[in-house]
Structures are given as structure tokens and as C-alpha cells.
Amino acid sequence: MLSKDHSAEFKRRFADRYADGTTVAMPQRELGLTKPTARLWREGTDRGGAGAIDGPRRSDRCPQGLELRAAEACLRGEGDYRALALEHGARSGARIRDRVKRYREGGDDALGVRPPGRRRKGPASEETLGQRCARLEMEAGILKRMAASATDISAAGGSTRW
């Protein structure tokens, strides 16, 4: 099937076939689904029945507090990444694994809740207006000397290519 948006009835047919005790490969082949889609729907069906896959596809985002609880549970030895992801409603264990890795590298502070979004890059250096003017004047002087040299070389019949 070419469309990524499947109807609720189509998803229920998958869930019903899977619930009948067949392997996930059978409804996948019969309905023409990709393996990743069939796997996601199987996990959703295992987690919450046919209704768990009826809704629109959710994003990969998982609330940070939920990731935090799952990572702490993993550190306490309460399960592996995948089992904790299913238990806490995350899509996969990769995010929990990343949180655990961050904790092991950075300690308790690494598990804190971070503000959402991309981190801003700080300025490379604090350049004052006077310093910037001086730098630009120097660059302009260099470019003028290079242009004059190129003119002199071409007037003498040489090549200006390096």
C-alpha cells in the first residue's frame, strides 16, 4: 500500500488478524504492510488492543519526565530498555538507552529535565565594534593589495592563477 495514512478499519483488520493468534508476518503480507509498520502496530496492539493503533500516528516525542522515570527504572534494574519503553509508553528503548548513557557519563545532573528545542550556540568570541572595524579594515587592505598584485602580474604578461 503506497499511502502512509491507513484507515481505522484497515488497522482494525490487522489487529483482528493478529489477535487470532497468527504471527505478525501473515497479516503484514496479506495487507501489504512494511515490516516497521507491522511491528509498530503489533506493539500497539500488545499494549492497548486494536484501539491503540486506531488513532493518528503520534510523533516520536516522549515527555521528558516519562523518559526520566523510565531511565531511573532501568538504572534500578527493573527491566531492559525495550520492556521499559513499552511499559512507559515510549516508542522504542533508544531514548531511554540514551538517557541512561547520559547519566553514566554525567551523573545525576545529566538526568534533569531539559528545556525543549535545540540548544543555542553561544558566540564564538565577544568582539567589540571597534575590534570588528579594525578586522574588516585589515581584510579590505589585504584584498586591495592582492588585487593590485594581480593587476601588476597580468600587466607584465603573467598568469594570475596560482
N, C-alpha and C. Protein backbone atom coordinates (compact mmCIF):
# COMPACT_ATOMS: atom_id res chain seq x y z
N MET A 1 0.86 -1.18 0.00
CA MET A 1 0.00 0.00 0.00
C MET A 1 0.89 1.23 0.00
N LEU A 2 0.65 2.18 -0.88
CA LEU A 2 1.52 3.33 -1.03
C LEU A 2 1.28 4.40 0.02
N SER A 3 0.05 4.56 0.45
CA SER A 3 -0.27 5.62 1.39
C SER A 3 0.22 5.29 2.79
N LYS A 4 0.73 6.31 3.48
CA LYS A 4 1.17 6.11 4.86
C LYS A 4 0.00 6.26 5.83
N ASP A 5 -1.09 6.85 5.38
CA ASP A 5 -2.25 7.04 6.24
C ASP A 5 -3.25 5.92 5.97
N HIS A 6 -3.41 5.06 6.93
CA HIS A 6 -4.33 3.93 6.78
C HIS A 6 -5.59 4.23 7.57
N SER A 7 -6.71 3.74 7.06
CA SER A 7 -7.98 3.98 7.73
C SER A 7 -8.04 3.18 9.04
N ALA A 8 -8.93 3.60 9.91
CA ALA A 8 -9.11 2.91 11.18
C ALA A 8 -9.61 1.49 10.94
N GLU A 9 -10.45 1.32 9.92
CA GLU A 9 -10.98 -0.02 9.60
C GLU A 9 -9.86 -0.94 9.14
N PHE A 10 -8.93 -0.41 8.34
CA PHE A 10 -7.79 -1.19 7.86
C PHE A 10 -6.91 -1.62 9.04
N LYS A 11 -6.69 -0.71 9.97
CA LYS A 11 -5.88 -1.03 11.15
C LYS A 11 -6.58 -2.07 12.02
N ARG A 12 -7.91 -1.98 12.12
CA ARG A 12 -8.65 -2.97 12.91
C ARG A 12 -8.57 -4.36 12.27
N ARG A 13 -8.57 -4.40 10.93
CA ARG A 13 -8.41 -5.69 10.25
C ARG A 13 -7.06 -6.32 10.62
N PHE A 14 -6.00 -5.50 10.65
CA PHE A 14 -4.70 -6.01 11.05
C PHE A 14 -4.76 -6.53 12.49
N ALA A 15 -5.32 -5.71 13.39
CA ALA A 15 -5.38 -6.10 14.81
C ALA A 15 -6.19 -7.38 14.99
N ASP A 16 -7.30 -7.52 14.25
CA ASP A 16 -8.12 -8.73 14.36
C ASP A 16 -7.35 -9.95 13.88
N ARG A 17 -6.66 -9.83 12.74
CA ARG A 17 -5.89 -10.96 12.22
C ARG A 17 -4.77 -11.33 13.20
N TYR A 18 -4.13 -10.32 13.77
CA TYR A 18 -3.04 -10.59 14.71
C TYR A 18 -3.58 -11.20 16.00
N ALA A 19 -4.75 -10.73 16.44
CA ALA A 19 -5.36 -11.24 17.67
C ALA A 19 -5.83 -12.70 17.51
N ASP A 20 -6.06 -13.13 16.28
CA ASP A 20 -6.50 -14.51 16.04
C ASP A 20 -5.39 -15.52 16.33
N GLY A 21 -4.21 -15.04 16.68
CA GLY A 21 -3.14 -15.96 17.03
C GLY A 21 -2.14 -16.20 15.93
N THR A 22 -2.26 -15.49 14.83
CA THR A 22 -1.29 -15.66 13.76
C THR A 22 -0.02 -14.87 14.09
N THR A 23 1.03 -15.16 13.36
CA THR A 23 2.25 -14.37 13.52
C THR A 23 2.02 -13.02 12.85
N VAL A 24 2.84 -12.07 13.17
CA VAL A 24 2.67 -10.73 12.60
C VAL A 24 2.99 -10.72 11.11
N ALA A 25 3.76 -11.69 10.62
CA ALA A 25 4.13 -11.73 9.21
C ALA A 25 2.93 -12.02 8.31
N MET A 26 1.98 -12.80 8.80
CA MET A 26 0.83 -13.16 7.95
C MET A 26 -0.04 -11.95 7.62
N PRO A 27 -0.53 -11.20 8.62
CA PRO A 27 -1.32 -10.02 8.25
C PRO A 27 -0.48 -8.97 7.53
N GLN A 28 0.81 -8.94 7.82
CA GLN A 28 1.69 -7.98 7.12
C GLN A 28 1.69 -8.27 5.63
N ARG A 29 1.89 -9.54 5.26
CA ARG A 29 1.90 -9.92 3.84
C ARG A 29 0.53 -9.76 3.20
N GLU A 30 -0.51 -10.20 3.91
CA GLU A 30 -1.86 -10.13 3.35
C GLU A 30 -2.29 -8.69 3.08
N LEU A 31 -1.94 -7.79 3.98
CA LEU A 31 -2.38 -6.39 3.86
C LEU A 31 -1.35 -5.50 3.15
N GLY A 32 -0.19 -6.06 2.84
CA GLY A 32 0.81 -5.28 2.11
C GLY A 32 1.50 -4.22 2.95
N LEU A 33 1.74 -4.50 4.20
CA LEU A 33 2.39 -3.54 5.09
C LEU A 33 3.90 -3.73 5.10
N THR A 34 4.60 -2.67 5.44
CA THR A 34 6.05 -2.80 5.62
C THR A 34 6.32 -3.43 6.98
N LYS A 35 7.50 -4.00 7.14
CA LYS A 35 7.84 -4.64 8.42
C LYS A 35 7.82 -3.64 9.58
N PRO A 36 8.40 -2.42 9.40
CA PRO A 36 8.36 -1.47 10.53
C PRO A 36 6.93 -1.08 10.93
N THR A 37 6.05 -0.91 9.94
CA THR A 37 4.66 -0.56 10.26
C THR A 37 3.99 -1.71 10.99
N ALA A 38 4.18 -2.92 10.50
CA ALA A 38 3.58 -4.09 11.16
C ALA A 38 4.11 -4.23 12.59
N ARG A 39 5.41 -3.98 12.78
CA ARG A 39 5.99 -4.09 14.12
C ARG A 39 5.38 -3.04 15.06
N LEU A 40 5.24 -1.79 14.58
CA LEU A 40 4.65 -0.75 15.42
C LEU A 40 3.21 -1.08 15.77
N TRP A 41 2.46 -1.55 14.80
CA TRP A 41 1.07 -1.90 15.06
C TRP A 41 0.97 -3.08 15.99
N ARG A 42 1.85 -4.07 15.85
CA ARG A 42 1.86 -5.21 16.76
C ARG A 42 2.12 -4.74 18.19
N GLU A 43 3.14 -3.86 18.35
CA GLU A 43 3.45 -3.36 19.70
C GLU A 43 2.29 -2.56 20.26
N GLY A 44 1.63 -1.75 19.42
CA GLY A 44 0.47 -1.00 19.87
C GLY A 44 -0.67 -1.91 20.26
N THR A 45 -0.89 -2.95 19.48
CA THR A 45 -1.95 -3.92 19.79
C THR A 45 -1.63 -4.65 21.09
N ASP A 46 -0.37 -5.03 21.28
CA ASP A 46 0.02 -5.70 22.53
C ASP A 46 -0.17 -4.79 23.73
N ARG A 47 0.07 -3.50 23.52
CA ARG A 47 0.00 -2.55 24.62
C ARG A 47 -1.44 -2.18 24.97
N GLY A 48 -2.28 -1.96 23.93
CA GLY A 48 -3.61 -1.46 24.26
C GLY A 48 -4.73 -1.99 23.40
N GLY A 49 -4.54 -3.07 22.70
CA GLY A 49 -5.59 -3.62 21.86
C GLY A 49 -5.71 -2.86 20.55
N ALA A 50 -6.78 -3.17 19.82
CA ALA A 50 -6.97 -2.58 18.49
C ALA A 50 -7.12 -1.06 18.58
N GLY A 51 -7.69 -0.57 19.66
CA GLY A 51 -7.88 0.88 19.81
C GLY A 51 -6.58 1.65 19.91
N ALA A 52 -5.50 0.98 20.27
CA ALA A 52 -4.22 1.67 20.43
C ALA A 52 -3.61 2.07 19.10
N ILE A 53 -4.02 1.42 18.01
CA ILE A 53 -3.47 1.79 16.70
C ILE A 53 -4.48 2.52 15.83
N ASP A 54 -5.72 2.72 16.32
CA ASP A 54 -6.74 3.40 15.52
C ASP A 54 -6.48 4.88 15.34
N GLY A 55 -5.88 5.52 16.32
CA GLY A 55 -5.69 6.96 16.28
C GLY A 55 -4.64 7.39 15.28
N PRO A 56 -4.50 8.69 15.10
CA PRO A 56 -3.47 9.18 14.19
C PRO A 56 -2.08 8.85 14.72
N ARG A 57 -1.14 8.77 13.84
CA ARG A 57 0.23 8.44 14.22
C ARG A 57 0.80 9.54 15.09
N ARG A 58 1.37 9.16 16.21
CA ARG A 58 1.93 10.16 17.12
C ARG A 58 3.39 10.38 16.78
N SER A 59 3.90 11.49 17.22
CA SER A 59 5.29 11.78 16.92
C SER A 59 6.21 10.96 17.83
N ASP A 60 7.49 10.99 17.53
CA ASP A 60 8.47 10.24 18.30
C ASP A 60 8.74 10.89 19.67
N ARG A 61 8.20 12.07 19.87
CA ARG A 61 8.48 12.76 21.11
C ARG A 61 7.81 12.07 22.28
N CYS A 62 8.51 12.05 23.35
CA CYS A 62 8.04 11.41 24.56
C CYS A 62 8.30 12.42 25.67
N PRO A 63 7.36 12.68 26.55
CA PRO A 63 7.61 13.67 27.60
C PRO A 63 8.88 13.35 28.37
N GLN A 64 9.67 14.40 28.65
CA GLN A 64 10.96 14.18 29.30
C GLN A 64 10.81 13.56 30.68
N GLY A 65 9.78 13.92 31.39
CA GLY A 65 9.57 13.33 32.71
C GLY A 65 9.35 11.83 32.61
N LEU A 66 8.66 11.40 31.56
CA LEU A 66 8.42 9.99 31.35
C LEU A 66 9.73 9.28 31.03
N GLU A 67 10.55 9.89 30.15
CA GLU A 67 11.86 9.32 29.85
C GLU A 67 12.70 9.20 31.11
N LEU A 68 12.62 10.22 31.93
CA LEU A 68 13.40 10.26 33.16
C LEU A 68 13.01 9.11 34.08
N ARG A 69 11.69 8.91 34.27
CA ARG A 69 11.23 7.81 35.12
C ARG A 69 11.66 6.46 34.56
N ALA A 70 11.56 6.29 33.23
CA ALA A 70 11.95 5.03 32.61
C ALA A 70 13.45 4.80 32.75
N ALA A 71 14.26 5.84 32.57
CA ALA A 71 15.71 5.70 32.71
C ALA A 71 16.09 5.36 34.14
N GLU A 72 15.44 6.01 35.11
CA GLU A 72 15.72 5.71 36.52
C GLU A 72 15.35 4.26 36.84
N ALA A 73 14.23 3.79 36.27
CA ALA A 73 13.82 2.40 36.49
C ALA A 73 14.84 1.44 35.89
N CYS A 74 15.38 1.80 34.75
CA CYS A 74 16.40 0.95 34.12
C CYS A 74 17.66 0.91 34.98
N LEU A 75 18.04 2.05 35.53
CA LEU A 75 19.23 2.11 36.38
C LEU A 75 19.04 1.31 37.67
N ARG A 76 17.78 1.21 38.13
CA ARG A 76 17.50 0.40 39.32
C ARG A 76 17.41 -1.08 38.98
N GLY A 77 17.49 -1.42 37.70
CA GLY A 77 17.45 -2.82 37.29
C GLY A 77 16.06 -3.39 37.16
N GLU A 78 15.06 -2.55 36.90
CA GLU A 78 13.68 -3.03 36.83
C GLU A 78 13.31 -3.59 35.46
N GLY A 79 14.21 -3.54 34.50
CA GLY A 79 13.91 -4.10 33.18
C GLY A 79 14.89 -3.58 32.14
N ASP A 80 14.74 -4.11 30.93
CA ASP A 80 15.62 -3.65 29.86
C ASP A 80 14.97 -2.46 29.15
N TYR A 81 15.69 -1.89 28.19
CA TYR A 81 15.23 -0.67 27.52
C TYR A 81 13.89 -0.87 26.84
N ARG A 82 13.76 -1.94 26.09
CA ARG A 82 12.54 -2.16 25.32
C ARG A 82 11.33 -2.39 26.22
N ALA A 83 11.50 -3.22 27.25
CA ALA A 83 10.38 -3.50 28.16
C ALA A 83 9.94 -2.24 28.87
N LEU A 84 10.90 -1.41 29.30
CA LEU A 84 10.54 -0.17 29.98
C LEU A 84 9.91 0.83 29.02
N ALA A 85 10.35 0.82 27.76
CA ALA A 85 9.73 1.71 26.77
C ALA A 85 8.26 1.34 26.58
N LEU A 86 7.98 0.06 26.46
CA LEU A 86 6.58 -0.38 26.31
C LEU A 86 5.77 -0.05 27.56
N GLU A 87 6.37 -0.27 28.72
CA GLU A 87 5.66 -0.03 29.98
C GLU A 87 5.34 1.44 30.17
N HIS A 88 6.26 2.32 29.77
CA HIS A 88 6.08 3.76 30.00
C HIS A 88 5.49 4.48 28.79
N GLY A 89 5.20 3.75 27.71
CA GLY A 89 4.54 4.37 26.57
C GLY A 89 5.47 5.05 25.58
N ALA A 90 6.76 4.79 25.67
CA ALA A 90 7.70 5.34 24.69
C ALA A 90 7.69 4.44 23.47
N ARG A 91 8.09 4.97 22.33
CA ARG A 91 8.03 4.21 21.10
C ARG A 91 9.12 3.15 21.01
N SER A 92 10.30 3.47 21.52
CA SER A 92 11.39 2.49 21.49
C SER A 92 12.29 2.71 22.69
N GLY A 93 13.18 1.77 22.89
CA GLY A 93 14.09 1.87 24.02
C GLY A 93 15.29 2.76 23.75
N ALA A 94 15.44 3.27 22.53
CA ALA A 94 16.62 4.05 22.18
C ALA A 94 16.74 5.33 23.02
N ARG A 95 15.63 6.01 23.24
CA ARG A 95 15.69 7.26 24.01
C ARG A 95 16.02 6.98 25.47
N ILE A 96 15.50 5.89 25.99
CA ILE A 96 15.80 5.53 27.37
C ILE A 96 17.27 5.12 27.47
N ARG A 97 17.74 4.37 26.48
CA ARG A 97 19.16 4.00 26.45
C ARG A 97 20.05 5.24 26.42
N ASP A 98 19.65 6.25 25.64
CA ASP A 98 20.43 7.49 25.57
C ASP A 98 20.44 8.21 26.92
N ARG A 99 19.29 8.22 27.60
CA ARG A 99 19.23 8.85 28.92
C ARG A 99 20.14 8.13 29.92
N VAL A 100 20.13 6.81 29.89
CA VAL A 100 20.97 6.02 30.80
C VAL A 100 22.45 6.29 30.49
N LYS A 101 22.77 6.35 29.22
CA LYS A 101 24.17 6.63 28.83
C LYS A 101 24.58 8.02 29.33
N ARG A 102 23.69 9.00 29.15
CA ARG A 102 23.99 10.36 29.63
C ARG A 102 24.21 10.37 31.14
N TYR A 103 23.41 9.59 31.86
CA TYR A 103 23.57 9.53 33.31
C TYR A 103 24.93 8.95 33.67
N ARG A 104 25.29 7.86 33.00
CA ARG A 104 26.57 7.21 33.31
C ARG A 104 27.75 8.12 33.00
N GLU A 105 27.60 8.99 31.99
CA GLU A 105 28.69 9.91 31.63
C GLU A 105 28.69 11.17 32.49
N GLY A 106 27.49 11.65 32.87
CA GLY A 106 27.42 12.95 33.54
C GLY A 106 26.85 12.96 34.94
N GLY A 107 26.45 11.84 35.49
CA GLY A 107 25.93 11.79 36.85
C GLY A 107 24.50 12.25 36.96
N ASP A 108 24.10 12.62 38.18
CA ASP A 108 22.71 12.98 38.48
C ASP A 108 22.22 14.18 37.68
N ASP A 109 23.09 15.15 37.45
CA ASP A 109 22.68 16.36 36.75
C ASP A 109 22.28 16.08 35.30
N ALA A 110 22.80 15.02 34.71
CA ALA A 110 22.51 14.70 33.32
C ALA A 110 21.08 14.22 33.13
N LEU A 111 20.42 13.73 34.17
CA LEU A 111 19.05 13.24 34.05
C LEU A 111 18.01 14.31 34.29
N GLY A 112 18.42 15.51 34.58
CA GLY A 112 17.47 16.59 34.82
C GLY A 112 16.64 16.88 33.58
N VAL A 113 15.48 17.47 33.78
CA VAL A 113 14.61 17.82 32.67
C VAL A 113 15.20 19.04 31.97
N ARG A 114 15.40 18.90 30.65
CA ARG A 114 15.97 19.99 29.87
C ARG A 114 14.85 20.77 29.20
N PRO A 115 15.10 22.04 28.88
CA PRO A 115 14.08 22.78 28.12
C PRO A 115 13.97 22.21 26.72
N PRO A 116 12.77 22.18 26.15
CA PRO A 116 12.60 21.60 24.82
C PRO A 116 13.26 22.46 23.75
N GLY A 117 13.55 21.84 22.63
CA GLY A 117 14.10 22.57 21.49
C GLY A 117 15.60 22.44 21.38
N ARG A 118 16.10 23.02 20.34
CA ARG A 118 17.52 22.96 20.04
C ARG A 118 18.28 23.96 20.92
N ARG A 119 19.45 23.53 21.36
CA ARG A 119 20.28 24.43 22.16
C ARG A 119 20.87 25.51 21.27
N ARG A 120 20.95 26.70 21.79
CA ARG A 120 21.53 27.80 21.03
C ARG A 120 23.04 27.78 21.16
N LYS A 121 23.68 28.11 20.07
CA LYS A 121 25.13 28.21 20.12
C LYS A 121 25.49 29.58 20.67
N GLY A 122 26.43 29.59 21.57
CA GLY A 122 26.91 30.85 22.12
C GLY A 122 27.85 31.51 21.14
N PRO A 123 28.09 32.80 21.30
CA PRO A 123 29.01 33.48 20.39
C PRO A 123 30.41 32.89 20.54
N ALA A 124 31.12 32.79 19.41
CA ALA A 124 32.45 32.22 19.42
C ALA A 124 33.39 33.08 20.26
N SER A 125 33.27 34.37 20.11
CA SER A 125 34.08 35.27 20.92
C SER A 125 33.34 36.60 21.02
N GLU A 126 33.61 37.30 22.07
CA GLU A 126 33.00 38.61 22.27
C GLU A 126 33.84 39.64 21.53
N GLU A 127 33.37 40.05 20.37
CA GLU A 127 34.10 41.02 19.55
C GLU A 127 33.40 42.36 19.66
N THR A 128 34.14 43.36 20.07
CA THR A 128 33.55 44.70 20.18
C THR A 128 33.44 45.32 18.79
N LEU A 129 32.69 46.39 18.72
CA LEU A 129 32.51 47.07 17.44
C LEU A 129 33.84 47.60 16.91
N GLY A 130 34.66 48.15 17.78
CA GLY A 130 35.97 48.66 17.37
C GLY A 130 36.86 47.55 16.83
N GLN A 131 36.85 46.39 17.50
CA GLN A 131 37.66 45.26 17.04
C GLN A 131 37.18 44.76 15.68
N ARG A 132 35.86 44.74 15.51
CA ARG A 132 35.31 44.29 14.23
C ARG A 132 35.69 45.25 13.11
N CYS A 133 35.61 46.56 13.36
CA CYS A 133 36.00 47.55 12.35
C CYS A 133 37.47 47.37 11.98
N ALA A 134 38.32 47.18 12.98
CA ALA A 134 39.75 47.01 12.72
C ALA A 134 40.00 45.75 11.89
N ARG A 135 39.30 44.66 12.21
CA ARG A 135 39.47 43.41 11.46
C ARG A 135 39.01 43.57 10.03
N LEU A 136 37.86 44.23 9.82
CA LEU A 136 37.35 44.42 8.47
C LEU A 136 38.25 45.33 7.65
N GLU A 137 38.82 46.38 8.28
CA GLU A 137 39.75 47.27 7.57
C GLU A 137 41.00 46.50 7.15
N MET A 138 41.48 45.63 8.02
CA MET A 138 42.66 44.82 7.70
C MET A 138 42.35 43.88 6.53
N GLU A 139 41.19 43.24 6.55
CA GLU A 139 40.81 42.34 5.47
C GLU A 139 40.67 43.10 4.16
N ALA A 140 40.09 44.31 4.20
CA ALA A 140 39.94 45.13 2.99
C ALA A 140 41.32 45.51 2.45
N GLY A 141 42.25 45.84 3.33
CA GLY A 141 43.61 46.17 2.90
C GLY A 141 44.29 44.99 2.21
N ILE A 142 44.12 43.81 2.77
CA ILE A 142 44.71 42.61 2.17
C ILE A 142 44.12 42.38 0.78
N LEU A 143 42.81 42.51 0.65
CA LEU A 143 42.16 42.30 -0.64
C LEU A 143 42.62 43.34 -1.67
N LYS A 144 42.81 44.59 -1.24
CA LYS A 144 43.29 45.63 -2.16
C LYS A 144 44.70 45.30 -2.64
N ARG A 145 45.57 44.85 -1.73
CA ARG A 145 46.94 44.50 -2.11
C ARG A 145 46.95 43.32 -3.07
N MET A 146 46.08 42.34 -2.82
CA MET A 146 46.01 41.19 -3.70
C MET A 146 45.53 41.60 -5.09
N ALA A 147 44.54 42.48 -5.17
CA ALA A 147 44.02 42.94 -6.46
C ALA A 147 45.10 43.72 -7.20
N ALA A 148 45.86 44.55 -6.47
CA ALA A 148 46.95 45.31 -7.10
C ALA A 148 48.02 44.37 -7.62
N SER A 149 48.36 43.33 -6.87
CA SER A 149 49.36 42.36 -7.30
C SER A 149 48.89 41.64 -8.56
N ALA A 150 47.62 41.25 -8.58
CA ALA A 150 47.09 40.55 -9.75
C ALA A 150 47.12 41.45 -10.97
N THR A 151 46.82 42.73 -10.78
CA THR A 151 46.87 43.68 -11.90
C THR A 151 48.29 43.82 -12.41
N ASP A 152 49.27 43.94 -11.50
CA ASP A 152 50.67 44.08 -11.89
C ASP A 152 51.15 42.84 -12.64
N ILE A 153 50.78 41.67 -12.17
CA ILE A 153 51.21 40.41 -12.80
C ILE A 153 50.61 40.29 -14.20
N SER A 154 49.30 40.60 -14.32
CA SER A 154 48.67 40.47 -15.64
C SER A 154 49.20 41.53 -16.59
N ALA A 155 49.58 42.71 -16.10
CA ALA A 155 50.16 43.76 -16.96
C ALA A 155 51.55 43.30 -17.47
N ALA A 156 52.24 42.51 -16.68
CA ALA A 156 53.55 42.02 -17.08
C ALA A 156 53.44 40.81 -17.98
N GLY A 157 52.21 40.33 -18.24
CA GLY A 157 52.01 39.19 -19.13
C GLY A 157 52.00 37.85 -18.44
N GLY A 158 51.98 37.81 -17.12
CA GLY A 158 51.96 36.55 -16.37
C GLY A 158 50.55 36.10 -16.08
N SER A 159 50.44 34.96 -15.48
CA SER A 159 49.13 34.40 -15.11
C SER A 159 48.82 34.75 -13.66
N THR A 160 47.58 35.06 -13.40
CA THR A 160 47.16 35.38 -12.03
C THR A 160 46.64 34.16 -11.31
N ARG A 161 46.66 33.01 -11.96
CA ARG A 161 46.22 31.76 -11.32
C ARG A 161 47.34 31.20 -10.49
N TRP A 162 47.03 30.58 -9.43
CA TRP A 162 48.04 30.03 -8.53
C TRP A 162 48.52 28.78 -9.15
